[in-house]
PDB file of N, CA and C in Angstrom:
ATOM      1  N   MET A   1      48.137   9.181 -11.031  1.00  0.00           N
ATOM      2  CA  MET A   1      47.269   9.822  -9.253  1.00  0.00           C
ATOM      3  C   MET A   1      46.151  10.068 -10.081  1.00  0.00           C
ATOM      4  N   ALA A   2      45.850  10.734 -11.640  1.00  0.00           N
ATOM      5  CA  ALA A   2      44.313  10.866 -11.995  1.00  0.00           C
ATOM      6  C   ALA A   2      43.514   9.650 -12.140  1.00  0.00           C
ATOM      7  N   PRO A   3      44.160   8.566 -12.708  1.00  0.00           N
ATOM      8  CA  PRO A   3      42.738   7.378 -12.767  1.00  0.00           C
ATOM      9  C   PRO A   3      42.489   7.109 -11.817  1.00  0.00           C
ATOM     10  N   THR A   4      43.354   6.941 -10.560  1.00  0.00           N
ATOM     11  CA  THR A   4      42.841   6.834  -9.247  1.00  0.00           C
ATOM     12  C   THR A   4      41.385   7.527  -8.803  1.00  0.00           C
ATOM     13  N   THR A   5      41.718   8.728  -9.535  1.00  0.00           N
ATOM     14  CA  THR A   5      41.082   9.769  -8.775  1.00  0.00           C
ATOM     15  C   THR A   5      39.464   9.523  -9.292  1.00  0.00           C
ATOM     16  N   LEU A   6      40.140   9.410 -10.693  1.00  0.00           N
ATOM     17  CA  LEU A   6      38.470   8.785 -11.549  1.00  0.00           C
ATOM     18  C   LEU A   6      38.061   7.836 -11.088  1.00  0.00           C
ATOM     19  N   ILE A   7      38.531   6.475 -10.620  1.00  0.00           N
ATOM     20  CA  ILE A   7      38.204   5.687 -10.180  1.00  0.00           C
ATOM     21  C   ILE A   7      37.445   5.588  -9.172  1.00  0.00           C
ATOM     22  N   ILE A   8      37.820   6.324  -8.053  1.00  0.00           N
ATOM     23  CA  ILE A   8      37.239   6.784  -7.104  1.00  0.00           C
ATOM     24  C   ILE A   8      35.712   7.480  -7.283  1.00  0.00           C
ATOM     25  N   PHE A   9      35.998   8.238  -7.976  1.00  0.00           N
ATOM     26  CA  PHE A   9      34.927   9.442  -8.172  1.00  0.00           C
ATOM     27  C   PHE A   9      33.677   8.406  -8.787  1.00  0.00           C
ATOM     28  N   LEU A  10      34.310   7.184  -9.524  1.00  0.00           N
ATOM     29  CA  LEU A  10      33.050   6.536 -10.370  1.00  0.00           C
ATOM     30  C   LEU A  10      32.329   5.739  -9.794  1.00  0.00           C
ATOM     31  N   LEU A  11      33.350   5.398  -8.474  1.00  0.00           N
ATOM     32  CA  LEU A  11      32.629   4.491  -7.448  1.00  0.00           C
ATOM     33  C   LEU A  11      31.767   5.020  -6.268  1.00  0.00           C
ATOM     34  N   VAL A  12      31.873   5.873  -6.289  1.00  0.00           N
ATOM     35  CA  VAL A  12      30.928   6.961  -5.217  1.00  0.00           C
ATOM     36  C   VAL A  12      29.989   7.267  -6.096  1.00  0.00           C
ATOM     37  N   ALA A  13      30.057   7.575  -7.465  1.00  0.00           N
ATOM     38  CA  ALA A  13      28.811   7.597  -8.029  1.00  0.00           C
ATOM     39  C   ALA A  13      27.976   6.919  -8.091  1.00  0.00           C
ATOM     40  N   ALA A  14      28.638   5.682  -8.417  1.00  0.00           N
ATOM     41  CA  ALA A  14      27.606   4.642  -8.727  1.00  0.00           C
ATOM     42  C   ALA A  14      27.160   4.156  -7.341  1.00  0.00           C
ATOM     43  N   VAL A  15      27.747   4.224  -6.126  1.00  0.00           N
ATOM     44  CA  VAL A  15      27.157   3.979  -4.828  1.00  0.00           C
ATOM     45  C   VAL A  15      25.687   4.717  -4.554  1.00  0.00           C
ATOM     46  N   CYS A  16      26.088   5.879  -5.015  1.00  0.00           N
ATOM     47  CA  CYS A  16      24.946   7.088  -4.169  1.00  0.00           C
ATOM     48  C   CYS A  16      24.097   6.825  -5.171  1.00  0.00           C
ATOM     49  N   THR A  17      23.737   6.449  -6.570  1.00  0.00           N
ATOM     50  CA  THR A  17      22.783   6.115  -7.730  1.00  0.00           C
ATOM     51  C   THR A  17      22.049   5.209  -6.815  1.00  0.00           C
ATOM     52  N   ILE A  18      22.790   3.781  -6.700  1.00  0.00           N
ATOM     53  CA  ILE A  18      22.401   2.588  -5.983  1.00  0.00           C
ATOM     54  C   ILE A  18      21.800   2.944  -4.717  1.00  0.00           C
ATOM     55  N   HIS A  19      22.077   3.971  -4.216  1.00  0.00           N
ATOM     56  CA  HIS A  19      21.347   4.155  -2.856  1.00  0.00           C
ATOM     57  C   HIS A  19      19.756   5.228  -3.304  1.00  0.00           C
ATOM     58  N   GLN A  20      19.833   6.271  -4.187  1.00  0.00           N
ATOM     59  CA  GLN A  20      18.708   6.819  -4.309  1.00  0.00           C
ATOM     60  C   GLN A  20      17.688   6.075  -5.090  1.00  0.00           C
ATOM     61  N   VAL A  21      18.072   4.777  -5.781  1.00  0.00           N
ATOM     62  CA  VAL A  21      16.882   3.530  -6.437  1.00  0.00           C
ATOM     63  C   VAL A  21      16.074   2.708  -5.288  1.00  0.00           C
ATOM     64  N   THR A  22      17.380   2.463  -4.280  1.00  0.00           N
ATOM     65  CA  THR A  22      16.957   1.295  -3.154  1.00  0.00           C
ATOM     66  C   THR A  22      15.844   2.578  -2.530  1.00  0.00           C
ATOM     67  N   SER A  23      15.822   3.932  -1.880  1.00  0.00           N
ATOM     68  CA  SER A  23      15.414   4.369  -1.454  1.00  0.00           C
ATOM     69  C   SER A  23      14.023   5.033  -1.964  1.00  0.00           C
ATOM     70  N   ALA A  24      14.174   5.147  -3.481  1.00  0.00           N
ATOM     71  CA  ALA A  24      12.729   5.387  -3.847  1.00  0.00           C
ATOM     72  C   ALA A  24      11.944   4.207  -3.815  1.00  0.00           C
ATOM     73  N   ASN A  25      12.213   2.837  -4.025  1.00  0.00           N
ATOM     74  CA  ASN A  25      11.469   1.794  -3.708  1.00  0.00           C
ATOM     75  C   ASN A  25      10.903   1.224  -2.111  1.00  0.00           C
ATOM     76  N   GLN A  26      11.625   1.738  -1.721  1.00  0.00           N
ATOM     77  CA  GLN A  26      11.333   1.278  -0.393  1.00  0.00           C
ATOM     78  C   GLN A  26      10.121   2.553   0.581  1.00  0.00           C
ATOM     79  N   MET A  27      10.233   3.683  -0.451  1.00  0.00           N
ATOM     80  CA  MET A  27       8.623   4.707  -0.125  1.00  0.00           C
ATOM     81  C   MET A  27       7.470   3.713  -0.931  1.00  0.00           C
ATOM     82  N   ALA A  28       7.588   3.115  -2.338  1.00  0.00           N
ATOM     83  CA  ALA A  28       6.295   2.864  -2.556  1.00  0.00           C
ATOM     84  C   ALA A  28       5.860   2.089  -2.149  1.00  0.00           C
ATOM     85  N   PHE A  29       4.711   1.726  -1.793  1.00  0.00           N
ATOM     86  CA  PHE A  29       4.276   0.229  -1.757  1.00  0.00           C
ATOM     87  C   PHE A  29       2.683  -0.385  -2.768  1.00  0.00           C
ATOM     88  N   ASP A  30       2.081  -1.155  -2.860  1.00  0.00           N
ATOM     89  CA  ASP A  30       1.529  -1.642  -3.735  1.00  0.00           C
ATOM     90  C   ASP A  30      -0.031  -0.818  -3.798  1.00  0.00           C
ATOM     91  N   CYS A  31      -0.446  -0.627  -5.051  1.00  0.00           N
ATOM     92  CA  CYS A  31      -1.791   0.448  -5.397  1.00  0.00           C
ATOM     93  C   CYS A  31      -2.784  -0.807  -5.743  1.00  0.00           C
ATOM     94  N   CYS A  32      -3.862  -0.324  -5.237  1.00  0.00           N
ATOM     95  CA  CYS A  32      -5.265  -0.954  -6.011  1.00  0.00           C
ATOM     96  C   CYS A  32      -4.850   0.351  -7.790  1.00  0.00           C
ATOM     97  N   LEU A  33      -5.205  -0.357  -8.953  1.00  0.00           N
ATOM     98  CA  LEU A  33      -5.261   0.105  -9.981  1.00  0.00           C
ATOM     99  C   LEU A  33      -6.794   0.369 -10.302  1.00  0.00           C
ATOM    100  N   SER A  34      -7.415  -0.405  -9.714  1.00  0.00           N
ATOM    101  CA  SER A  34      -9.030  -0.272  -9.824  1.00  0.00           C
ATOM    102  C   SER A  34      -9.602  -0.900  -8.807  1.00  0.00           C
ATOM    103  N   THR A  35     -10.854  -1.081  -8.934  1.00  0.00           N
ATOM    104  CA  THR A  35     -11.800  -1.267  -7.661  1.00  0.00           C
ATOM    105  C   THR A  35     -12.712  -2.435  -8.413  1.00  0.00           C
ATOM    106  N   LYS A  36     -13.576  -3.369  -7.393  1.00  0.00           N
ATOM    107  CA  LYS A  36     -14.736  -3.425  -7.746  1.00  0.00           C
ATOM    108  C   LYS A  36     -16.167  -3.372  -7.469  1.00  0.00           C
ATOM    109  N   ASP A  37     -16.791  -3.182  -7.738  1.00  0.00           N
ATOM    110  CA  ASP A  37     -18.061  -2.957  -6.680  1.00  0.00           C
ATOM    111  C   ASP A  37     -18.964  -4.346  -6.031  1.00  0.00           C
ATOM    112  N   LYS A  38     -18.759  -5.680  -6.372  1.00  0.00           N
ATOM    113  CA  LYS A  38     -18.731  -6.557  -5.812  1.00  0.00           C
ATOM    114  C   LYS A  38     -18.801  -7.076  -3.883  1.00  0.00           C
ATOM    115  N   LYS A  39     -19.730  -6.681  -4.286  1.00  0.00           N
ATOM    116  CA  LYS A  39     -20.155  -6.854  -2.265  1.00  0.00           C
ATOM    117  C   LYS A  39     -19.048  -8.054  -1.827  1.00  0.00           C
ATOM    118  N   ILE A  40     -18.308  -7.420  -0.965  1.00  0.00           N
ATOM    119  CA  ILE A  40     -17.240  -8.560   0.149  1.00  0.00           C
ATOM    120  C   ILE A  40     -17.937  -9.043   1.050  1.00  0.00           C
ATOM    121  N   PRO A  41     -17.991 -10.443   1.532  1.00  0.00           N
ATOM    122  CA  PRO A  41     -18.536 -10.773   2.799  1.00  0.00           C
ATOM    123  C   PRO A  41     -17.915 -10.537   4.095  1.00  0.00           C
ATOM    124  N   TYR A  42     -18.804 -10.103   5.017  1.00  0.00           N
ATOM    125  CA  TYR A  42     -18.029  -9.523   6.219  1.00  0.00           C
ATOM    126  C   TYR A  42     -17.108 -10.603   6.953  1.00  0.00           C
ATOM    127  N   LYS A  43     -17.775 -11.938   6.521  1.00  0.00           N
ATOM    128  CA  LYS A  43     -16.847 -13.563   7.459  1.00  0.00           C
ATOM    129  C   LYS A  43     -15.774 -13.486   6.791  1.00  0.00           C
ATOM    130  N   ASN A  44     -15.221 -13.103   5.738  1.00  0.00           N
ATOM    131  CA  ASN A  44     -14.233 -13.117   4.820  1.00  0.00           C
ATOM    132  C   ASN A  44     -13.211 -11.969   4.883  1.00  0.00           C
ATOM    133  N   VAL A  45     -13.563 -10.873   5.511  1.00  0.00           N
ATOM    134  CA  VAL A  45     -12.998  -9.782   5.810  1.00  0.00           C
ATOM    135  C   VAL A  45     -11.746  -9.774   7.251  1.00  0.00           C
ATOM    136  N   LYS A  46     -10.484  -9.725   7.319  1.00  0.00           N
ATOM    137  CA  LYS A  46      -9.854  -9.599   8.608  1.00  0.00           C
ATOM    138  C   LYS A  46      -9.846  -7.697   8.859  1.00  0.00           C
ATOM    139  N   CYS A  47      -9.702  -7.216   8.020  1.00  0.00           N
ATOM    140  CA  CYS A  47      -9.689  -5.693   8.501  1.00  0.00           C
ATOM    141  C   CYS A  47      -9.188  -4.819   6.953  1.00  0.00           C
ATOM    142  N   TYR A  48      -9.285  -3.545   7.046  1.00  0.00           N
ATOM    143  CA  TYR A  48      -8.931  -2.870   6.200  1.00  0.00           C
ATOM    144  C   TYR A  48      -8.187  -1.533   6.062  1.00  0.00           C
ATOM    145  N   SER A  49      -8.037  -0.988   4.912  1.00  0.00           N
ATOM    146  CA  SER A  49      -7.084   0.343   5.158  1.00  0.00           C
ATOM    147  C   SER A  49      -7.294   1.252   4.053  1.00  0.00           C
ATOM    148  N   LEU A  50      -7.150   2.706   4.037  1.00  0.00           N
ATOM    149  CA  LEU A  50      -7.404   3.503   3.073  1.00  0.00           C
ATOM    150  C   LEU A  50      -6.290   3.639   2.462  1.00  0.00           C
ATOM    151  N   GLN A  51      -6.566   3.912   0.687  1.00  0.00           N
ATOM    152  CA  GLN A  51      -5.625   4.109   0.026  1.00  0.00           C
ATOM    153  C   GLN A  51      -6.042   5.554  -0.570  1.00  0.00           C
ATOM    154  N   THR A  52      -5.076   6.651  -0.812  1.00  0.00           N
ATOM    155  CA  THR A  52      -4.920   7.649  -1.059  1.00  0.00           C
ATOM    156  C   THR A  52      -4.470   8.425  -2.440  1.00  0.00           C
ATOM    157  N   THR A  53      -5.230   9.611  -3.064  1.00  0.00           N
ATOM    158  CA  THR A  53      -4.120   9.703  -4.431  1.00  0.00           C
ATOM    159  C   THR A  53      -3.028  10.308  -3.832  1.00  0.00           C
ATOM    160  N   THR A  54      -2.708  10.912  -2.184  1.00  0.00           N
ATOM    161  CA  THR A  54      -1.413  11.961  -1.501  1.00  0.00           C
ATOM    162  C   THR A  54      -0.971  10.762  -1.518  1.00  0.00           C
ATOM    163  N   GLN A  55      -0.957   9.547  -1.570  1.00  0.00           N
ATOM    164  CA  GLN A  55      -0.088   8.639  -0.770  1.00  0.00           C
ATOM    165  C   GLN A  55       1.018   8.035  -2.313  1.00  0.00           C
ATOM    166  N   GLY A  56       0.366   8.774  -3.738  1.00  0.00           N
ATOM    167  CA  GLY A  56       0.824   8.140  -4.531  1.00  0.00           C
ATOM    168  C   GLY A  56       0.467   7.360  -5.757  1.00  0.00           C
ATOM    169  N   CYS A  57      -1.157   7.005  -4.986  1.00  0.00           N
ATOM    170  CA  CYS A  57      -1.573   5.655  -5.883  1.00  0.00           C
ATOM    171  C   CYS A  57      -2.541   6.740  -6.871  1.00  0.00           C
ATOM    172  N   TYR A  58      -2.988   6.269  -8.068  1.00  0.00           N
ATOM    173  CA  TYR A  58      -3.694   6.737  -9.009  1.00  0.00           C
ATOM    174  C   TYR A  58      -5.017   6.770  -8.098  1.00  0.00           C
ATOM    175  N   ILE A  59      -5.587   6.136  -7.638  1.00  0.00           N
ATOM    176  CA  ILE A  59      -7.399   6.142  -7.686  1.00  0.00           C
ATOM    177  C   ILE A  59      -7.141   6.076  -5.663  1.00  0.00           C
ATOM    178  N   ASP A  60      -8.451   6.626  -5.066  1.00  0.00           N
ATOM    179  CA  ASP A  60      -8.775   6.423  -3.684  1.00  0.00           C
ATOM    180  C   ASP A  60      -9.238   5.095  -3.884  1.00  0.00           C
ATOM    181  N   ALA A  61      -9.308   4.358  -2.653  1.00  0.00           N
ATOM    182  CA  ALA A  61      -9.999   3.066  -3.059  1.00  0.00           C
ATOM    183  C   ALA A  61     -10.042   2.637  -1.157  1.00  0.00           C
ATOM    184  N   ILE A  62     -10.598   1.831  -0.804  1.00  0.00           N
ATOM    185  CA  ILE A  62     -10.638   0.971   0.443  1.00  0.00           C
ATOM    186  C   ILE A  62      -9.878  -0.292  -0.071  1.00  0.00           C
ATOM    187  N   VAL A  63      -8.768  -0.577   0.929  1.00  0.00           N
ATOM    188  CA  VAL A  63      -8.336  -2.258   0.830  1.00  0.00           C
ATOM    189  C   VAL A  63      -8.633  -2.890   1.739  1.00  0.00           C
ATOM    190  N   PHE A  64      -9.484  -4.224   1.616  1.00  0.00           N
ATOM    191  CA  PHE A  64      -9.602  -4.845   2.351  1.00  0.00           C
ATOM    192  C   PHE A  64      -8.836  -5.910   2.696  1.00  0.00           C
ATOM    193  N   LEU A  65      -8.499  -6.575   3.219  1.00  0.00           N
ATOM    194  CA  LEU A  65      -7.312  -7.950   3.959  1.00  0.00           C
ATOM    195  C   LEU A  65      -8.430  -8.939   4.241  1.00  0.00           C
ATOM    196  N   THR A  66      -8.602 -10.107   3.467  1.00  0.00           N
ATOM    197  CA  THR A  66      -9.461 -11.379   3.894  1.00  0.00           C
ATOM    198  C   THR A  66      -8.365 -11.712   4.632  1.00  0.00           C
ATOM    199  N   HIS A  67      -8.979 -12.948   5.576  1.00  0.00           N
ATOM    200  CA  HIS A  67      -8.348 -14.180   6.335  1.00  0.00           C
ATOM    201  C   HIS A  67      -7.186 -15.223   5.699  1.00  0.00           C
ATOM    202  N   LYS A  68      -7.367 -14.962   4.642  1.00  0.00           N
ATOM    203  CA  LYS A  68      -6.373 -15.782   3.446  1.00  0.00           C
ATOM    204  C   LYS A  68      -5.576 -14.703   2.691  1.00  0.00           C
ATOM    205  N   HIS A  69      -5.627 -13.478   3.626  1.00  0.00           N
ATOM    206  CA  HIS A  69      -4.151 -12.840   3.104  1.00  0.00           C
ATOM    207  C   HIS A  69      -4.309 -11.596   1.802  1.00  0.00           C
ATOM    208  N   ARG A  70      -5.366 -11.792   0.976  1.00  0.00           N
ATOM    209  CA  ARG A  70      -5.486 -11.541  -0.398  1.00  0.00           C
ATOM    210  C   ARG A  70      -6.215  -9.856  -0.247  1.00  0.00           C
ATOM    211  N   HIS A  71      -5.840  -8.953  -0.899  1.00  0.00           N
ATOM    212  CA  HIS A  71      -5.997  -7.821  -0.869  1.00  0.00           C
ATOM    213  C   HIS A  71      -7.140  -7.384  -1.956  1.00  0.00           C
ATOM    214  N   LEU A  72      -8.555  -7.061  -1.688  1.00  0.00           N
ATOM    215  CA  LEU A  72      -9.563  -6.511  -2.198  1.00  0.00           C
ATOM    216  C   LEU A  72      -9.430  -5.193  -2.308  1.00  0.00           C
ATOM    217  N   CYS A  73     -10.182  -4.179  -3.597  1.00  0.00           N
ATOM    218  CA  CYS A  73      -9.907  -3.087  -3.739  1.00  0.00           C
ATOM    219  C   CYS A  73     -11.517  -2.697  -4.182  1.00  0.00           C
ATOM    220  N   ALA A  74     -12.110  -1.382  -3.247  1.00  0.00           N
ATOM    221  CA  ALA A  74     -13.543  -1.417  -3.024  1.00  0.00           C
ATOM    222  C   ALA A  74     -13.634  -0.019  -3.454  1.00  0.00           C
ATOM    223  N   PRO A  75     -14.311   0.672  -3.700  1.00  0.00           N
ATOM    224  CA  PRO A  75     -14.625   2.109  -3.976  1.00  0.00           C
ATOM    225  C   PRO A  75     -14.957   2.953  -2.612  1.00  0.00           C
ATOM    226  N   THR A  76     -14.909   3.916  -2.471  1.00  0.00           N
ATOM    227  CA  THR A  76     -14.691   4.758  -1.385  1.00  0.00           C
ATOM    228  C   THR A  76     -16.112   4.880  -1.017  1.00  0.00           C
ATOM    229  N   ASN A  77     -17.197   4.812  -1.976  1.00  0.00           N
ATOM    230  CA  ASN A  77     -18.628   5.818  -2.093  1.00  0.00           C
ATOM    231  C   ASN A  77     -19.475   4.905  -2.143  1.00  0.00           C
ATOM    232  N   LEU A  78     -19.191   3.716  -1.990  1.00  0.00           N
ATOM    233  CA  LEU A  78     -20.312   2.924  -2.045  1.00  0.00           C
ATOM    234  C   LEU A  78     -21.275   2.155  -0.548  1.00  0.00           C
ATOM    235  N   PRO A  79     -22.713   2.013  -0.269  1.00  0.00           N
ATOM    236  CA  PRO A  79     -23.105   2.140   0.952  1.00  0.00           C
ATOM    237  C   PRO A  79     -22.364   0.885   1.632  1.00  0.00           C
ATOM    238  N   TRP A  80     -22.258  -0.429   0.717  1.00  0.00           N
ATOM    239  CA  TRP A  80     -21.894  -1.662   1.434  1.00  0.00           C
ATOM    240  C   TRP A  80     -20.737  -1.359   1.886  1.00  0.00           C
ATOM    241  N   VAL A  81     -19.530  -0.487   1.355  1.00  0.00           N
ATOM    242  CA  VAL A  81     -18.453  -0.589   1.655  1.00  0.00           C
ATOM    243  C   VAL A  81     -18.219   0.187   3.222  1.00  0.00           C
ATOM    244  N   LYS A  82     -18.817   1.401   3.203  1.00  0.00           N
ATOM    245  CA  LYS A  82     -18.827   2.045   4.128  1.00  0.00           C
ATOM    246  C   LYS A  82     -19.334   1.345   5.450  1.00  0.00           C
ATOM    247  N   GLU A  83     -20.758   0.287   5.417  1.00  0.00           N
ATOM    248  CA  GLU A  83     -21.029  -0.894   6.246  1.00  0.00           C
ATOM    249  C   GLU A  83     -20.233  -1.408   6.949  1.00  0.00           C
ATOM    250  N   LEU A  84     -18.968  -1.953   5.591  1.00  0.00           N
ATOM    251  CA  LEU A  84     -18.441  -3.288   5.904  1.00  0.00           C
ATOM    252  C   LEU A  84     -16.993  -2.317   7.236  1.00  0.00           C
ATOM    253  N   MET A  85     -17.241  -1.674   6.794  1.00  0.00           N
ATOM    254  CA  MET A  85     -15.779  -0.718   7.340  1.00  0.00           C
ATOM    255  C   MET A  85     -16.236  -0.609   9.021  1.00  0.00           C
ATOM    256  N   ALA A  86     -17.676   0.412   8.897  1.00  0.00           N
ATOM    257  CA  ALA A  86     -18.195   0.362  10.413  1.00  0.00           C
ATOM    258  C   ALA A  86     -18.464  -1.031  10.921  1.00  0.00           C
ATOM    259  N   LYS A  87     -18.697  -1.934  10.490  1.00  0.00           N
ATOM    260  CA  LYS A  87     -18.864  -3.367  11.421  1.00  0.00           C
ATOM    261  C   LYS A  87     -17.495  -3.910  11.469  1.00  0.00           C
ATOM    262  N   LEU A  88     -16.296  -3.695  10.778  1.00  0.00           N
ATOM    263  CA  LEU A  88     -15.131  -3.727  11.385  1.00  0.00           C
ATOM    264  C   LEU A  88     -14.509  -3.268  12.170  1.00  0.00           C
ATOM    265  N   ASP A  89     -14.852  -1.500  12.538  1.00  0.00           N
ATOM    266  CA  ASP A  89     -14.134  -1.005  13.300  1.00  0.00           C
ATOM    267  C   ASP A  89     -14.941  -0.757  14.416  1.00  0.00           C
ATOM    268  N   LYS A  90     -16.199  -1.500  14.631  1.00  0.00           N
ATOM    269  CA  LYS A  90     -17.317  -2.042  16.131  1.00  0.00           C
ATOM    270  C   LYS A  90     -16.540  -3.318  16.411  1.00  0.00           C
ATOM    271  N   ASN A  91     -16.199  -4.317  15.404  1.00  0.00           N
ATOM    272  CA  ASN A  91     -16.126  -5.988  15.864  1.00  0.00           C
ATOM    273  C   ASN A  91     -15.044  -6.129  16.034  1.00  0.00           C
ATOM    274  N   LYS A  92     -13.737  -5.586  15.140  1.00  0.00           N
ATOM    275  CA  LYS A  92     -12.708  -6.235  14.859  1.00  0.00           C
ATOM    276  C   LYS A  92     -11.697  -5.051  15.324  1.00  0.00           C
ATOM    277  N   PRO A  93     -11.799  -4.193  16.249  1.00  0.00           N
ATOM    278  CA  PRO A  93     -10.603  -2.816  16.143  1.00  0.00           C
ATOM    279  C   PRO A  93      -9.459  -3.553  16.570  1.00  0.00           C
ATOM    280  N   HIS A  94      -9.243  -4.782  16.975  1.00  0.00           N
ATOM    281  CA  HIS A  94      -7.887  -5.307  17.386  1.00  0.00           C
ATOM    282  C   HIS A  94      -6.823  -5.508  16.295  1.00  0.00           C
ATOM    283  N   LEU A  95      -7.607  -6.170  15.012  1.00  0.00           N
ATOM    284  CA  LEU A  95      -7.219  -6.405  13.888  1.00  0.00           C
ATOM    285  C   LEU A  95      -6.496  -5.451  12.911  1.00  0.00           C
ATOM    286  N   LYS A  96      -7.250  -4.297  13.518  1.00  0.00           N
ATOM    287  CA  LYS A  96      -6.417  -2.670  12.353  1.00  0.00           C
ATOM    288  C   LYS A  96      -5.223  -2.491  12.025  1.00  0.00           C
ATOM    289  N   LYS A  97      -4.682  -3.375  13.178  1.00  0.00           N
ATOM    290  CA  LYS A  97      -3.119  -3.198  13.206  1.00  0.00           C
ATOM    291  C   LYS A  97      -2.523  -3.970  12.160  1.00  0.00           C
ATOM    292  N   TYR A  98      -3.532  -4.455  11.512  1.00  0.00           N
ATOM    293  CA  TYR A  98      -2.263  -5.527  10.395  1.00  0.00           C
ATOM    294  C   TYR A  98      -3.153  -5.185   8.906  1.00  0.00           C
ATOM    295  N   CYS A  99      -3.918  -4.014   8.998  1.00  0.00           N
ATOM    296  CA  CYS A  99      -3.850  -3.638   7.637  1.00  0.00           C
ATOM    297  C   CYS A  99      -3.425  -2.197   7.412  1.00  0.00           C
ATOM    298  N   SER A 100      -2.406  -1.320   8.644  1.00  0.00           N
ATOM    299  CA  SER A 100      -1.822  -0.179   8.205  1.00  0.00           C
ATOM    300  C   SER A 100      -1.067  -0.512   6.988  1.00  0.00           C
ATOM    301  N   ARG A 101      -0.592   0.760   6.665  1.00  0.00           N
ATOM    302  CA  ARG A 101      -0.342   0.729   5.167  1.00  0.00           C
ATOM    303  C   ARG A 101       1.588   1.272   5.689  1.00  0.00           C
TER     304      ARG A 101
END
């Protein structure tokens, strides 16, 4: 009887471990590790999202999604970034849903 109990215990422990690892991976998402100061043309951008350190990322950034489905990371403090965000908010508010993280 003891070997059967041990096997059941080990199986339950293995399932719990796999569940914890899977849950942790589902919460994580890709983060920008660096940003580029190079200006991104408005015509190339579909929408944007905000990345913050409170989400588990190392840096704060604005993540622009291009029409070719590329994620471009920009710093939050540059004037052109703020202008591009405002222009997207004004002219393409219906596309914001594609960038929510």
